[in-house]
């Protein structure tokens, strides 16, 4: 509970400083989210199986 109170106090006291940096933080997080997000979801391979490695015919 003490940690919550301390975080609230810090957020309230420094909101003016942090709010000026928020647009830059969002811009800096975009490339990071792009790099980390591409390993999830699998682009373009939904429902496909790799038959060529299992001895099947492709086509």
N, C-alpha and C. Protein backbone atom coordinates (compact mmCIF):
# COMPACT_ATOMS: atom_id res chain seq x y z
N UNK A 1 0.83 -1.19 0.00
CA UNK A 1 0.00 0.00 0.00
C UNK A 1 0.87 1.25 0.00
N UNK A 2 1.98 1.16 0.71
CA UNK A 2 2.90 2.29 0.76
C UNK A 2 3.50 2.58 -0.61
N UNK A 3 3.74 1.53 -1.38
CA UNK A 3 4.27 1.68 -2.73
C UNK A 3 3.27 2.40 -3.64
N UNK A 4 2.01 2.10 -3.50
CA UNK A 4 0.97 2.75 -4.30
C UNK A 4 0.90 4.24 -3.97
N UNK A 5 0.99 4.57 -2.71
CA UNK A 5 0.96 5.97 -2.28
C UNK A 5 2.18 6.70 -2.82
N UNK A 6 3.35 6.08 -2.75
CA UNK A 6 4.57 6.70 -3.27
C UNK A 6 4.49 6.92 -4.78
N UNK A 7 3.97 5.92 -5.51
CA UNK A 7 3.84 6.08 -6.97
C UNK A 7 2.85 7.17 -7.32
N UNK A 8 1.75 7.26 -6.57
CA UNK A 8 0.78 8.32 -6.82
C UNK A 8 1.40 9.69 -6.58
N UNK A 9 2.16 9.82 -5.50
CA UNK A 9 2.81 11.09 -5.18
C UNK A 9 3.80 11.48 -6.27
N UNK A 10 4.62 10.53 -6.72
CA UNK A 10 5.58 10.82 -7.77
C UNK A 10 4.90 11.19 -9.07
N UNK A 11 3.84 10.49 -9.42
CA UNK A 11 3.12 10.78 -10.66
C UNK A 11 2.47 12.16 -10.59
N UNK A 12 1.93 12.51 -9.45
CA UNK A 12 1.28 13.81 -9.31
C UNK A 12 2.29 14.95 -9.34
N UNK A 13 3.40 14.77 -8.68
CA UNK A 13 4.39 15.84 -8.58
C UNK A 13 5.15 16.06 -9.89
N UNK A 14 5.35 15.00 -10.63
CA UNK A 14 6.18 15.10 -11.83
C UNK A 14 5.38 14.98 -13.12
N UNK A 15 4.07 15.13 -13.05
CA UNK A 15 3.23 14.99 -14.24
C UNK A 15 3.59 16.04 -15.29
N UNK A 16 3.92 17.24 -14.87
CA UNK A 16 4.28 18.30 -15.81
C UNK A 16 5.52 17.96 -16.61
N UNK A 17 6.48 17.32 -15.99
CA UNK A 17 7.70 16.94 -16.69
C UNK A 17 7.46 15.73 -17.59
N UNK A 18 6.75 14.75 -17.09
CA UNK A 18 6.52 13.52 -17.84
C UNK A 18 5.60 13.77 -19.03
N UNK A 19 4.61 14.64 -18.88
CA UNK A 19 3.67 14.87 -19.97
C UNK A 19 4.34 15.53 -21.16
N UNK A 20 5.43 16.26 -20.95
CA UNK A 20 6.15 16.85 -22.07
C UNK A 20 6.95 15.81 -22.84
N UNK A 21 7.34 14.74 -22.18
CA UNK A 21 8.13 13.69 -22.82
C UNK A 21 7.29 12.55 -23.39
N UNK A 22 6.00 12.54 -23.09
CA UNK A 22 5.15 11.44 -23.51
C UNK A 22 5.10 11.25 -25.03
N UNK A 23 4.96 12.30 -25.85
CA UNK A 23 4.96 12.06 -27.32
C UNK A 23 6.27 11.44 -27.81
N UNK A 24 7.38 11.84 -27.24
CA UNK A 24 8.67 11.27 -27.65
C UNK A 24 8.79 9.82 -27.20
N UNK A 25 8.25 9.51 -26.04
CA UNK A 25 8.28 8.13 -25.55
C UNK A 25 7.46 7.22 -26.46
N UNK A 26 6.32 7.71 -26.92
CA UNK A 26 5.49 6.93 -27.83
C UNK A 26 6.22 6.69 -29.15
N UNK A 27 6.87 7.73 -29.67
CA UNK A 27 7.63 7.58 -30.91
C UNK A 27 8.80 6.63 -30.76
N UNK A 28 9.43 6.63 -29.61
CA UNK A 28 10.54 5.71 -29.38
C UNK A 28 10.07 4.28 -29.16
N UNK A 29 8.87 4.10 -28.66
CA UNK A 29 8.35 2.75 -28.44
C UNK A 29 7.83 2.10 -29.71
N UNK A 30 7.47 2.89 -30.72
CA UNK A 30 6.91 2.33 -31.95
C UNK A 30 7.86 1.35 -32.63
N UNK A 31 9.13 1.70 -32.88
CA UNK A 31 10.02 0.71 -33.51
C UNK A 31 10.23 -0.53 -32.64
N UNK A 32 10.30 -0.35 -31.34
CA UNK A 32 10.48 -1.48 -30.45
C UNK A 32 9.28 -2.42 -30.51
N UNK A 33 8.08 -1.87 -30.49
CA UNK A 33 6.88 -2.69 -30.58
C UNK A 33 6.79 -3.36 -31.95
N UNK A 34 7.26 -2.69 -32.99
CA UNK A 34 7.24 -3.27 -34.32
C UNK A 34 8.18 -4.48 -34.39
N UNK A 35 9.37 -4.34 -33.84
CA UNK A 35 10.32 -5.44 -33.88
C UNK A 35 9.86 -6.62 -33.03
N UNK A 36 9.34 -6.35 -31.86
CA UNK A 36 8.92 -7.42 -30.97
C UNK A 36 7.59 -8.03 -31.40
N UNK A 37 6.76 -7.28 -32.07
CA UNK A 37 5.44 -7.76 -32.44
C UNK A 37 5.43 -8.66 -33.66
N UNK A 38 6.48 -8.63 -34.49
CA UNK A 38 6.48 -9.44 -35.69
C UNK A 38 6.77 -10.90 -35.43
N UNK A 39 7.20 -11.25 -34.25
CA UNK A 39 7.44 -12.65 -33.94
C UNK A 39 6.17 -13.35 -33.49
N UNK A 40 5.12 -12.61 -33.35
CA UNK A 40 3.84 -13.19 -32.94
C UNK A 40 2.83 -13.00 -34.05
N UNK A 41 1.98 -13.96 -34.28
CA UNK A 41 0.92 -13.81 -35.26
C UNK A 41 1.24 -14.44 -36.59
N UNK A 42 2.46 -14.54 -37.01
CA UNK A 42 2.85 -15.21 -38.24
C UNK A 42 2.26 -14.57 -39.48
N UNK A 43 2.96 -13.68 -40.11
CA UNK A 43 2.47 -13.00 -41.30
C UNK A 43 2.40 -13.95 -42.49
N UNK A 44 1.23 -14.07 -43.10
CA UNK A 44 1.08 -14.79 -44.36
C UNK A 44 1.14 -16.30 -44.28
N UNK A 45 1.14 -16.91 -43.13
CA UNK A 45 1.24 -18.37 -43.03
C UNK A 45 0.07 -18.95 -42.24
N UNK A 46 -1.06 -18.36 -42.36
CA UNK A 46 -2.22 -18.84 -41.61
C UNK A 46 -2.80 -20.07 -42.31
N UNK A 47 -2.77 -21.20 -41.66
CA UNK A 47 -3.40 -22.41 -42.19
C UNK A 47 -2.57 -23.15 -43.22
N UNK A 48 -1.36 -22.76 -43.50
CA UNK A 48 -0.54 -23.46 -44.49
C UNK A 48 0.27 -24.54 -43.80
N UNK A 49 0.51 -25.63 -44.53
CA UNK A 49 1.40 -26.69 -44.05
C UNK A 49 2.56 -26.80 -44.99
N UNK A 50 3.68 -27.24 -44.50
CA UNK A 50 4.89 -27.37 -45.30
C UNK A 50 5.00 -28.81 -45.78
N UNK A 51 4.35 -29.15 -46.90
CA UNK A 51 4.34 -30.51 -47.43
C UNK A 51 5.64 -30.91 -48.10
N UNK A 52 6.43 -29.94 -48.56
CA UNK A 52 7.65 -30.26 -49.27
C UNK A 52 8.69 -30.90 -48.35
N UNK A 53 8.69 -30.60 -47.08
CA UNK A 53 9.67 -31.22 -46.16
C UNK A 53 9.19 -32.58 -45.69
N UNK A 54 7.90 -32.91 -45.88
CA UNK A 54 7.37 -34.18 -45.41
C UNK A 54 7.31 -35.21 -46.54
N UNK A 55 7.82 -34.88 -47.70
CA UNK A 55 7.82 -35.85 -48.80
C UNK A 55 6.62 -35.73 -49.72
N UNK A 56 5.77 -34.78 -49.48
CA UNK A 56 4.58 -34.59 -50.33
C UNK A 56 4.91 -33.78 -51.56
N UNK A 57 3.97 -33.77 -52.51
CA UNK A 57 4.15 -32.97 -53.72
C UNK A 57 3.61 -31.57 -53.49
N UNK A 58 4.31 -30.59 -54.04
CA UNK A 58 3.79 -29.22 -53.98
C UNK A 58 3.07 -28.91 -55.27
N UNK A 59 2.02 -28.16 -55.16
CA UNK A 59 1.35 -27.75 -56.39
C UNK A 59 -0.05 -27.95 -56.35
